[in-house]
C-alpha atoms as a PDB file:
ATOM      1  CA  MET A   1       0.000   0.000   0.000  1.00  0.00           C
ATOM      2  CA  PRO A   2       1.233   3.567  -0.631  1.00  0.00           C
ATOM      3  CA  GLU A   3       2.823   5.111   2.449  1.00  0.00           C
ATOM      4  CA  SER A   4       1.824   8.692   1.686  1.00  0.00           C
ATOM      5  CA  LEU A   5      -0.186  10.828  -0.714  1.00  0.00           C
ATOM      6  CA  GLU A   6       2.985  11.369  -2.758  1.00  0.00           C
ATOM      7  CA  ASP A   7       3.560   7.613  -2.972  1.00  0.00           C
ATOM      8  CA  LEU A   8      -0.027   7.178  -4.157  1.00  0.00           C
ATOM      9  CA  GLU A   9       0.522   9.816  -6.849  1.00  0.00           C
ATOM     10  CA  ILE A  10       3.621   7.941  -8.037  1.00  0.00           C
ATOM     11  CA  GLN A  11       1.725   4.662  -8.104  1.00  0.00           C
ATOM     12  CA  LEU A  12      -1.043   6.223 -10.186  1.00  0.00           C
ATOM     13  CA  LEU A  13       1.470   7.899 -12.509  1.00  0.00           C
ATOM     14  CA  LEU A  14       3.241   4.583 -13.178  1.00  0.00           C
ATOM     15  CA  GLU A  15      -0.118   2.886 -13.747  1.00  0.00           C
ATOM     16  CA  ALA A  16      -1.105   5.620 -16.222  1.00  0.00           C
ATOM     17  CA  LEU A  17       2.211   5.222 -18.036  1.00  0.00           C
ATOM     18  CA  TYR A  18       1.550   1.504 -18.383  1.00  0.00           C
ATOM     19  CA  GLN A  19      -2.124   1.728 -19.343  1.00  0.00           C
ATOM     20  CA  ARG A  20      -1.641   4.550 -21.863  1.00  0.00           C
ATOM     21  CA  TYR A  21       1.743   3.693 -23.413  1.00  0.00           C
ATOM     22  CA  HIS A  22       2.512   0.110 -22.264  1.00  0.00           C
ATOM     23  CA  PHE A  23       5.775   1.068 -20.586  1.00  0.00           C
ATOM     24  CA  ASP A  24       5.809  -0.835 -17.313  1.00  0.00           C
ATOM     25  CA  PHE A  25       7.889   0.636 -14.480  1.00  0.00           C
ATOM     26  CA  ARG A  26       5.595  -0.644 -11.730  1.00  0.00           C
ATOM     27  CA  HIS A  27       8.098  -3.239 -10.540  1.00  0.00           C
ATOM     28  CA  TYR A  28      11.188  -1.096 -10.671  1.00  0.00           C
ATOM     29  CA  ALA A  29      12.806  -0.444  -7.285  1.00  0.00           C
ATOM     30  CA  ARG A  30      10.552   2.205  -5.786  1.00  0.00           C
ATOM     31  CA  ALA A  31      13.273   4.312  -4.159  1.00  0.00           C
ATOM     32  CA  SER A  32      15.084   4.659  -7.493  1.00  0.00           C
ATOM     33  CA  ILE A  33      11.895   5.454  -9.406  1.00  0.00           C
ATOM     34  CA  LYS A  34      10.830   8.031  -6.817  1.00  0.00           C
ATOM     35  CA  ARG A  35      14.215   9.732  -7.035  1.00  0.00           C
ATOM     36  CA  ARG A  36      14.058   9.957 -10.834  1.00  0.00           C
ATOM     37  CA  LEU A  37      10.443  11.116 -10.900  1.00  0.00           C
ATOM     38  CA  THR A  38      11.196  13.771  -8.306  1.00  0.00           C
ATOM     39  CA  GLN A  39      14.038  15.034 -10.484  1.00  0.00           C
ATOM     40  CA  ALA A  40      11.714  15.054 -13.514  1.00  0.00           C
ATOM     41  CA  ARG A  41       8.955  16.884 -11.620  1.00  0.00           C
ATOM     42  CA  ASP A  42      11.323  19.554 -10.314  1.00  0.00           C
ATOM     43  CA  GLN A  43      13.273  20.114 -13.539  1.00  0.00           C
ATOM     44  CA  MET A  44      10.145  20.250 -15.697  1.00  0.00           C
ATOM     45  CA  GLY A  45       8.442  22.634 -13.288  1.00  0.00           C
ATOM     46  CA  PHE A  46       5.411  20.600 -12.189  1.00  0.00           C
ATOM     47  CA  ALA A  47       3.792  21.306  -8.841  1.00  0.00           C
ATOM     48  CA  SER A  48       2.985  17.638  -8.219  1.00  0.00           C
ATOM     49  CA  PHE A  49       3.223  14.136  -9.644  1.00  0.00           C
ATOM     50  CA  SER A  50      -0.489  14.365 -10.422  1.00  0.00           C
ATOM     51  CA  ALA A  51       0.120  17.399 -12.622  1.00  0.00           C
ATOM     52  CA  MET A  52       2.917  15.517 -14.347  1.00  0.00           C
ATOM     53  CA  GLN A  53       0.562  12.568 -14.901  1.00  0.00           C
ATOM     54  CA  ALA A  54      -1.994  14.843 -16.566  1.00  0.00           C
ATOM     55  CA  ALA A  55       0.683  16.178 -18.918  1.00  0.00           C
ATOM     56  CA  LEU A  56       1.846  12.644 -19.679  1.00  0.00           C
ATOM     57  CA  LEU A  57      -1.669  11.635 -20.701  1.00  0.00           C
ATOM     58  CA  HIS A  58      -2.498  14.710 -22.768  1.00  0.00           C
ATOM     59  CA  GLU A  59       0.642  16.429 -24.070  1.00  0.00           C
ATOM     60  CA  PRO A  60       2.492  15.144 -27.179  1.00  0.00           C
ATOM     61  CA  GLY A  61       6.195  14.726 -26.549  1.00  0.00           C
ATOM     62  CA  MET A  62       5.839  14.219 -22.817  1.00  0.00           C
ATOM     63  CA  LEU A  63       6.433  10.479 -23.080  1.00  0.00           C
ATOM     64  CA  SER A  64       9.908  10.797 -24.584  1.00  0.00           C
ATOM     65  CA  ARG A  65      10.855  13.390 -21.960  1.00  0.00           C
ATOM     66  CA  MET A  66       9.630  11.100 -19.198  1.00  0.00           C
ATOM     67  CA  LEU A  67      11.513   8.087 -20.560  1.00  0.00           C
ATOM     68  CA  GLY A  68      14.666  10.170 -20.534  1.00  0.00           C
ATOM     69  CA  TYR A  69      14.385  10.372 -16.762  1.00  0.00           C
ATOM     70  CA  LEU A  70      13.133   6.853 -16.101  1.00  0.00           C
ATOM     71  CA  THR A  71      15.653   4.900 -18.168  1.00  0.00           C
ATOM     72  CA  VAL A  72      19.319   4.737 -17.233  1.00  0.00           C
ATOM     73  CA  GLN A  73      21.518   6.143 -20.010  1.00  0.00           C
ATOM     74  CA  VAL A  74      24.896   6.421 -18.294  1.00  0.00           C
ATOM     75  CA  SER A  75      27.580   4.055 -19.546  1.00  0.00           C
ATOM     76  CA  GLU A  76      30.959   3.999 -21.244  1.00  0.00           C
ATOM     77  CA  MET A  77      32.791   1.740 -23.649  1.00  0.00           C
ATOM     78  CA  PHE A  78      34.545  -1.231 -22.041  1.00  0.00           C
ATOM     79  CA  ARG A  79      33.072  -0.208 -18.697  1.00  0.00           C
ATOM     80  CA  ASP A  80      34.630  -2.356 -15.943  1.00  0.00           C
ATOM     81  CA  PRO A  81      37.552  -3.521 -18.117  1.00  0.00           C
ATOM     82  CA  GLY A  82      38.022  -6.662 -16.015  1.00  0.00           C
ATOM     83  CA  TYR A  83      34.674  -7.913 -17.293  1.00  0.00           C
ATOM     84  CA  PHE A  84      35.756  -7.574 -20.918  1.00  0.00           C
ATOM     85  CA  ARG A  85      39.169  -9.095 -20.179  1.00  0.00           C
ATOM     86  CA  ALA A  86      37.414 -12.093 -18.628  1.00  0.00           C
ATOM     87  CA  LEU A  87      35.209 -12.409 -21.721  1.00  0.00           C
ATOM     88  CA  ARG A  88      38.271 -12.217 -23.944  1.00  0.00           C
ATOM     89  CA  GLU A  89      40.452 -14.648 -22.021  1.00  0.00           C
ATOM     90  CA  LYS A  90      37.959 -17.116 -20.525  1.00  0.00           C
ATOM     91  CA  VAL A  91      34.653 -16.973 -22.407  1.00  0.00           C
ATOM     92  CA  ILE A  92      35.768 -16.426 -26.003  1.00  0.00           C
ATOM     93  CA  PRO A  93      37.702 -19.753 -26.140  1.00  0.00           C
ATOM     94  CA  HIS A  94      34.418 -21.559 -25.419  1.00  0.00           C
ATOM     95  CA  LEU A  95      32.403 -19.413 -27.833  1.00  0.00           C
ATOM     96  CA  ARG A  96      34.817 -20.392 -30.608  1.00  0.00           C
ATOM     97  CA  THR A  97      33.397 -23.932 -30.455  1.00  0.00           C
ATOM     98  CA  TRP A  98      30.035 -22.747 -31.855  1.00  0.00           C
ATOM     99  CA  PRO A  99      29.838 -22.449 -35.660  1.00  0.00           C
ATOM    100  CA  SER A 100      27.714 -19.296 -35.339  1.00  0.00           C
ATOM    101  CA  LEU A 101      26.974 -17.023 -32.420  1.00  0.00           C
ATOM    102  CA  LYS A 102      24.247 -14.735 -31.157  1.00  0.00           C
ATOM    103  CA  VAL A 103      24.903 -12.140 -28.474  1.00  0.00           C
ATOM    104  CA  TRP A 104      22.213 -10.165 -26.674  1.00  0.00           C
ATOM    105  CA  VAL A 105      22.983  -6.829 -24.997  1.00  0.00           C
ATOM    106  CA  ALA A 106      19.844  -6.251 -22.935  1.00  0.00           C
ATOM    107  CA  GLY A 107      19.356  -2.623 -21.904  1.00  0.00           C
ATOM    108  CA  CYS A 108      21.863  -1.277 -24.426  1.00  0.00           C
ATOM    109  CA  SER A 109      21.269   2.413 -23.622  1.00  0.00           C
ATOM    110  CA  HIS A 110      23.292   4.518 -26.095  1.00  0.00           C
ATOM    111  CA  GLY A 111      25.204   1.525 -27.443  1.00  0.00           C
ATOM    112  CA  GLU A 112      28.531   1.738 -25.637  1.00  0.00           C
ATOM    113  CA  GLU A 113      28.483  -1.916 -24.597  1.00  0.00           C
ATOM    114  CA  VAL A 114      27.411  -3.367 -27.918  1.00  0.00           C
ATOM    115  CA  TYR A 115      30.159  -1.452 -29.740  1.00  0.00           C
ATOM    116  CA  SER A 116      32.634  -2.676 -27.122  1.00  0.00           C
ATOM    117  CA  LEU A 117      31.595  -6.270 -27.756  1.00  0.00           C
ATOM    118  CA  ALA A 118      31.660  -5.789 -31.533  1.00  0.00           C
ATOM    119  CA  ILE A 119      35.247  -4.500 -31.308  1.00  0.00           C
ATOM    120  CA  LEU A 120      36.259  -7.310 -28.957  1.00  0.00           C
ATOM    121  CA  PHE A 121      34.764  -9.936 -31.287  1.00  0.00           C
ATOM    122  CA  LYS A 122      36.508  -8.315 -34.274  1.00  0.00           C
ATOM    123  CA  GLU A 123      39.817  -8.473 -32.435  1.00  0.00           C
ATOM    124  CA  GLU A 124      39.226 -12.122 -31.607  1.00  0.00           C
ATOM    125  CA  GLY A 125      38.182 -13.080 -35.135  1.00  0.00           C
ATOM    126  CA  LEU A 126      34.569 -13.933 -34.248  1.00  0.00           C
ATOM    127  CA  TYR A 127      32.710 -10.887 -35.523  1.00  0.00           C
ATOM    128  CA  GLU A 128      31.832 -12.281 -38.958  1.00  0.00           C
ATOM    129  CA  ARG A 129      30.019 -15.288 -37.485  1.00  0.00           C
ATOM    130  CA  THR A 130      28.240 -13.369 -34.737  1.00  0.00           C
ATOM    131  CA  LEU A 131      24.888 -11.598 -34.764  1.00  0.00           C
ATOM    132  CA  PHE A 132      24.411  -9.017 -32.015  1.00  0.00           C
ATOM    133  CA  TYR A 133      21.042  -7.932 -30.635  1.00  0.00           C
ATOM    134  CA  ALA A 134      21.026  -4.565 -28.864  1.00  0.00           C
ATOM    135  CA  THR A 135      17.721  -3.906 -27.114  1.00  0.00           C
ATOM    136  CA  ASP A 136      16.255  -1.162 -24.963  1.00  0.00           C
ATOM    137  CA  ILE A 137      12.838   0.211 -24.092  1.00  0.00           C
ATOM    138  CA  ASN A 138      13.764   3.809 -24.897  1.00  0.00           C
ATOM    139  CA  PRO A 139      13.408   4.629 -28.621  1.00  0.00           C
ATOM    140  CA  GLU A 140      15.568   7.754 -28.275  1.00  0.00           C
ATOM    141  CA  ALA A 141      18.376   5.689 -26.729  1.00  0.00           C
ATOM    142  CA  LEU A 142      18.098   3.132 -29.534  1.00  0.00           C
ATOM    143  CA  ARG A 143      18.398   5.855 -32.166  1.00  0.00           C
ATOM    144  CA  ALA A 144      21.503   7.203 -30.444  1.00  0.00           C
ATOM    145  CA  ALA A 145      22.954   3.695 -30.195  1.00  0.00           C
ATOM    146  CA  GLU A 146      22.406   3.036 -33.882  1.00  0.00           C
ATOM    147  CA  ALA A 147      24.069   6.352 -34.792  1.00  0.00           C
ATOM    148  CA  GLY A 148      27.240   5.416 -32.876  1.00  0.00           C
ATOM    149  CA  VAL A 149      28.290   9.021 -32.224  1.00  0.00           C
ATOM    150  CA  TYR A 150      29.927  10.076 -28.943  1.00  0.00           C
ATOM    151  CA  ALA A 151      31.487  13.267 -27.627  1.00  0.00           C
ATOM    152  CA  MET A 152      35.252  13.349 -28.118  1.00  0.00           C
ATOM    153  CA  ASP A 153      35.807  14.240 -24.476  1.00  0.00           C
ATOM    154  CA  ARG A 154      34.606  10.725 -23.588  1.00  0.00           C
ATOM    155  CA  ILE A 155      37.019   8.948 -25.911  1.00  0.00           C
ATOM    156  CA  ARG A 156      40.050   9.157 -23.640  1.00  0.00           C
ATOM    157  CA  ARG A 157      38.232   7.132 -20.984  1.00  0.00           C
ATOM    158  CA  PHE A 158      36.933   4.695 -23.601  1.00  0.00           C
ATOM    159  CA  THR A 159      40.494   4.228 -24.879  1.00  0.00           C
ATOM    160  CA  GLU A 160      41.899   3.602 -21.395  1.00  0.00           C
ATOM    161  CA  ASN A 161      39.207   1.022 -20.707  1.00  0.00           C
ATOM    162  CA  HIS A 162      39.866  -0.694 -24.034  1.00  0.00           C
ATOM    163  CA  GLN A 163      43.570  -0.995 -23.273  1.00  0.00           C
ATOM    164  CA  LYS A 164      42.899  -2.357 -19.775  1.00  0.00           C
ATOM    165  CA  SER A 165      40.506  -4.913 -21.239  1.00  0.00           C
ATOM    166  CA  GLY A 166      43.347  -6.435 -23.252  1.00  0.00           C
ATOM    167  CA  GLY A 167      42.557  -4.696 -26.517  1.00  0.00           C
ATOM    168  CA  ARG A 168      44.573  -5.990 -29.464  1.00  0.00           C
ATOM    169  CA  SER A 169      44.246  -2.844 -31.573  1.00  0.00           C
ATOM    170  CA  SER A 170      43.873   0.901 -31.189  1.00  0.00           C
ATOM    171  CA  LEU A 171      40.384   2.162 -30.474  1.00  0.00           C
ATOM    172  CA  SER A 172      41.077   4.974 -32.942  1.00  0.00           C
ATOM    173  CA  ASP A 173      40.989   2.341 -35.707  1.00  0.00           C
ATOM    174  CA  TYR A 174      37.231   2.174 -35.236  1.00  0.00           C
ATOM    175  CA  TYR A 175      36.134   5.827 -35.319  1.00  0.00           C
ATOM    176  CA  THR A 176      36.714   9.102 -37.108  1.00  0.00           C
ATOM    177  CA  ALA A 177      36.831  12.474 -35.360  1.00  0.00           C
ATOM    178  CA  ASP A 178      34.321  14.986 -36.662  1.00  0.00           C
ATOM    179  CA  TYR A 179      33.652  18.414 -35.098  1.00  0.00           C
ATOM    180  CA  GLY A 180      34.195  17.333 -31.516  1.00  0.00           C
ATOM    181  CA  ARG A 181      32.488  13.985 -32.019  1.00  0.00           C
ATOM    182  CA  ALA A 182      33.720  10.450 -32.507  1.00  0.00           C
ATOM    183  CA  VAL A 183      31.739   8.666 -35.218  1.00  0.00           C
ATOM    184  CA  PHE A 184      32.176   4.904 -34.954  1.00  0.00           C
ATOM    185  CA  ASP A 185      32.612   2.968 -38.164  1.00  0.00           C
ATOM    186  CA  LYS A 186      29.484   1.580 -39.758  1.00  0.00           C
ATOM    187  CA  SER A 187      31.213  -1.804 -40.095  1.00  0.00           C
ATOM    188  CA  LEU A 188      30.615  -2.234 -36.353  1.00  0.00           C
ATOM    189  CA  ARG A 189      26.857  -2.081 -37.008  1.00  0.00           C
ATOM    190  CA  GLU A 190      26.678  -4.451 -39.962  1.00  0.00           C
ATOM    191  CA  ARG A 191      25.919  -7.424 -37.721  1.00  0.00           C
ATOM    192  CA  VAL A 192      23.934  -5.580 -35.041  1.00  0.00           C
ATOM    193  CA  VAL A 193      20.148  -5.564 -34.769  1.00  0.00           C
ATOM    194  CA  PHE A 194      18.848  -2.628 -32.718  1.00  0.00           C
ATOM    195  CA  SER A 195      15.375  -3.333 -31.413  1.00  0.00           C
ATOM    196  CA  ASP A 196      12.808  -2.357 -28.816  1.00  0.00           C
ATOM    197  CA  HIS A 197      12.448  -5.002 -26.102  1.00  0.00           C
ATOM    198  CA  SER A 198      11.205  -4.846 -22.513  1.00  0.00           C
ATOM    199  CA  LEU A 199      12.453  -7.233 -19.848  1.00  0.00           C
ATOM    200  CA  VAL A 200       9.240  -6.424 -17.982  1.00  0.00           C
ATOM    201  CA  THR A 201       6.657  -7.462 -20.567  1.00  0.00           C
ATOM    202  CA  ASP A 202       8.302  -9.152 -23.575  1.00  0.00           C
ATOM    203  CA  ALA A 203       9.355 -12.754 -24.199  1.00  0.00           C
ATOM    204  CA  VAL A 204      12.584 -14.243 -25.513  1.00  0.00           C
ATOM    205  CA  PHE A 205      13.067 -14.032 -29.267  1.00  0.00           C
ATOM    206  CA  ALA A 206      16.072 -16.236 -30.160  1.00  0.00           C
ATOM    207  CA  GLU A 207      18.667 -18.591 -28.730  1.00  0.00           C
ATOM    208  CA  MET A 208      21.760 -16.710 -27.558  1.00  0.00           C
ATOM    209  CA  GLN A 209      25.209 -17.999 -26.640  1.00  0.00           C
ATOM    210  CA  LEU A 210      26.000 -14.871 -24.597  1.00  0.00           C
ATOM    211  CA  VAL A 211      23.676 -12.474 -22.794  1.00  0.00           C
ATOM    212  CA  SER A 212      25.172  -9.309 -21.326  1.00  0.00           C
ATOM    213  CA  CYS A 213      22.772  -7.380 -19.096  1.00  0.00           C
ATOM    214  CA  ARG A 214      24.805  -5.150 -16.832  1.00  0.00           C
ATOM    215  CA  ASN A 215      23.641  -2.486 -14.393  1.00  0.00           C
ATOM    216  CA  VAL A 216      20.017  -2.871 -15.438  1.00  0.00           C
ATOM    217  CA  MET A 217      18.540  -5.222 -12.847  1.00  0.00           C
ATOM    218  CA  ILE A 218      19.792  -3.118  -9.933  1.00  0.00           C
ATOM    219  CA  TYR A 219      16.805  -0.879 -10.736  1.00  0.00           C
ATOM    220  CA  PHE A 220      14.283  -3.757 -10.562  1.00  0.00           C
ATOM    221  CA  ASP A 221      12.478  -5.127  -7.538  1.00  0.00           C
ATOM    222  CA  ARG A 222      13.043  -8.781  -6.611  1.00  0.00           C
ATOM    223  CA  GLU A 223      10.052 -10.054  -8.606  1.00  0.00           C
ATOM    224  CA  LEU A 224      11.129  -8.304 -11.788  1.00  0.00           C
ATOM    225  CA  GLN A 225      14.748  -9.400 -11.354  1.00  0.00           C
ATOM    226  CA  ASP A 226      13.528 -12.983 -11.230  1.00  0.00           C
ATOM    227  CA  ARG A 227      11.482 -12.508 -14.395  1.00  0.00           C
ATOM    228  CA  ALA A 228      14.475 -11.087 -16.261  1.00  0.00           C
ATOM    229  CA  ILE A 229      16.754 -13.913 -15.165  1.00  0.00           C
ATOM    230  CA  GLY A 230      14.052 -16.350 -16.276  1.00  0.00           C
ATOM    231  CA  LEU A 231      14.184 -14.788 -19.752  1.00  0.00           C
ATOM    232  CA  PHE A 232      17.956 -15.167 -19.852  1.00  0.00           C
ATOM    233  CA  HIS A 233      17.663 -18.765 -18.684  1.00  0.00           C
ATOM    234  CA  ASP A 234      15.182 -19.505 -21.470  1.00  0.00           C
ATOM    235  CA  THR A 235      17.249 -17.839 -24.197  1.00  0.00           C
ATOM    236  CA  LEU A 236      20.557 -19.524 -23.315  1.00  0.00           C
ATOM    237  CA  PRO A 237      21.442 -23.035 -24.450  1.00  0.00           C
ATOM    238  CA  ARG A 238      23.317 -25.453 -22.232  1.00  0.00           C
ATOM    239  CA  ASN A 239      26.774 -23.953 -21.528  1.00  0.00           C
ATOM    240  CA  GLY A 240      25.674 -20.471 -22.654  1.00  0.00           C
ATOM    241  CA  PHE A 241      27.010 -17.464 -20.762  1.00  0.00           C
ATOM    242  CA  LEU A 242      25.338 -14.668 -18.790  1.00  0.00           C
ATOM    243  CA  GLY A 243      27.128 -11.485 -17.734  1.00  0.00           C
ATOM    244  CA  LEU A 244      25.719  -9.199 -15.039  1.00  0.00           C
ATOM    245  CA  GLY A 245      26.822  -5.918 -13.466  1.00  0.00           C
ATOM    246  CA  SER A 246      29.207  -5.708 -10.547  1.00  0.00           C
ATOM    247  CA  ARG A 247      26.390  -5.066  -8.050  1.00  0.00           C
ATOM    248  CA  GLU A 248      24.061  -7.725  -9.455  1.00  0.00           C
ATOM    249  CA  SER A 249      23.728 -11.381  -8.546  1.00  0.00           C
ATOM    250  CA  LEU A 250      21.742 -14.557  -9.146  1.00  0.00           C
ATOM    251  CA  ARG A 251      21.843 -15.368  -5.439  1.00  0.00           C
ATOM    252  CA  PHE A 252      18.163 -14.784  -4.644  1.00  0.00           C
ATOM    253  CA  SER A 253      16.730 -15.900  -7.978  1.00  0.00           C
ATOM    254  CA  SER A 254      14.578 -18.993  -8.341  1.00  0.00           C
ATOM    255  CA  HIS A 255      16.737 -19.759 -11.398  1.00  0.00           C
ATOM    256  CA  ALA A 256      20.059 -19.625  -9.533  1.00  0.00           C
ATOM    257  CA  ARG A 257      20.551 -23.395  -9.523  1.00  0.00           C
ATOM    258  CA  ALA A 258      20.452 -23.455 -13.304  1.00  0.00           C
ATOM    259  CA  PHE A 259      23.731 -21.497 -13.425  1.00  0.00           C
ATOM    260  CA  THR A 260      27.259 -21.922 -12.138  1.00  0.00           C
ATOM    261  CA  GLU A 261      29.721 -19.123 -11.461  1.00  0.00           C
ATOM    262  CA  PHE A 262      32.188 -19.076 -14.347  1.00  0.00           C
ATOM    263  CA  VAL A 263      34.168 -15.955 -13.458  1.00  0.00           C
ATOM    264  CA  GLY A 264      32.747 -15.034 -10.069  1.00  0.00           C
ATOM    265  CA  ASP A 265      34.631 -11.770  -9.582  1.00  0.00           C
ATOM    266  CA  GLU A 266      33.256 -10.410 -12.873  1.00  0.00           C
ATOM    267  CA  LYS A 267      29.707 -11.789 -12.448  1.00  0.00           C
ATOM    268  CA  ILE A 268      29.900 -14.105 -15.438  1.00  0.00           C
ATOM    269  CA  TYR A 269      27.743 -17.224 -15.148  1.00  0.00           C
ATOM    270  CA  ARG A 270      27.301 -20.350 -17.239  1.00  0.00           C
ATOM    271  CA  LYS A 271      24.071 -22.216 -17.746  1.00  0.00           C
ATOM    272  CA  GLN A 272      24.170 -25.834 -16.660  1.00  0.00           C
ATOM    273  CA  ALA A 273      22.508 -28.816 -18.264  1.00  0.00           C
ATOM    274  CA  ALA A 274      18.826 -29.186 -17.454  1.00  0.00           C
END
């Protein structure tokens, strides 16, 4: 039950968002959602969450503005380099045994992770037999991801991460500088499918050998986390791999027994036989 009038307003706003637009944030961690909605309310100048709900229902363009606050869009290329080094050194040798590969980046935001994986797979000679799926619920984020354009002031950090991840080339091989922007080469997108997909409401859509869903489930409540892990379980074949964020875990999931820790420190798991 809502603890206060403000909590009730938030509950009704999230219900309106779902009923009107089919974006379901009702099982996201409430403290995180409240913090983001409060920021949205204050920065957009609404007196209350109820007023913001009315605008959401009646004003064109309000949905995209709201999604900008509710979806997490902060990432960087080769974020947590140890994770990518573990993929390179410990997971890739097993992926080589498959004749073709599918990789799912769930919650791809602006595309930093999928481009990181595309570069890693190019360096390891697996790109041409891999199909990547980059999914998100935010259409604006998907458009940015597909464009592959990032501010040049971010590239230094991207480059450092790439080197720490064991990169076998120079990151500059994959982009051109253009008026303060880095435009990543279109060859990195040739085998990437960018698509809308919700871990809250949608089903699995293909068999994947690797699922990377990092720093997404920390914003879900326990029930929604379990649903997402169930999707990953269903999409992975025996011996497929699942990568989570540094603050995420399978520990409390009803699907935990279906996985073994493969690289525990980097939250990489492997699906066991049924």
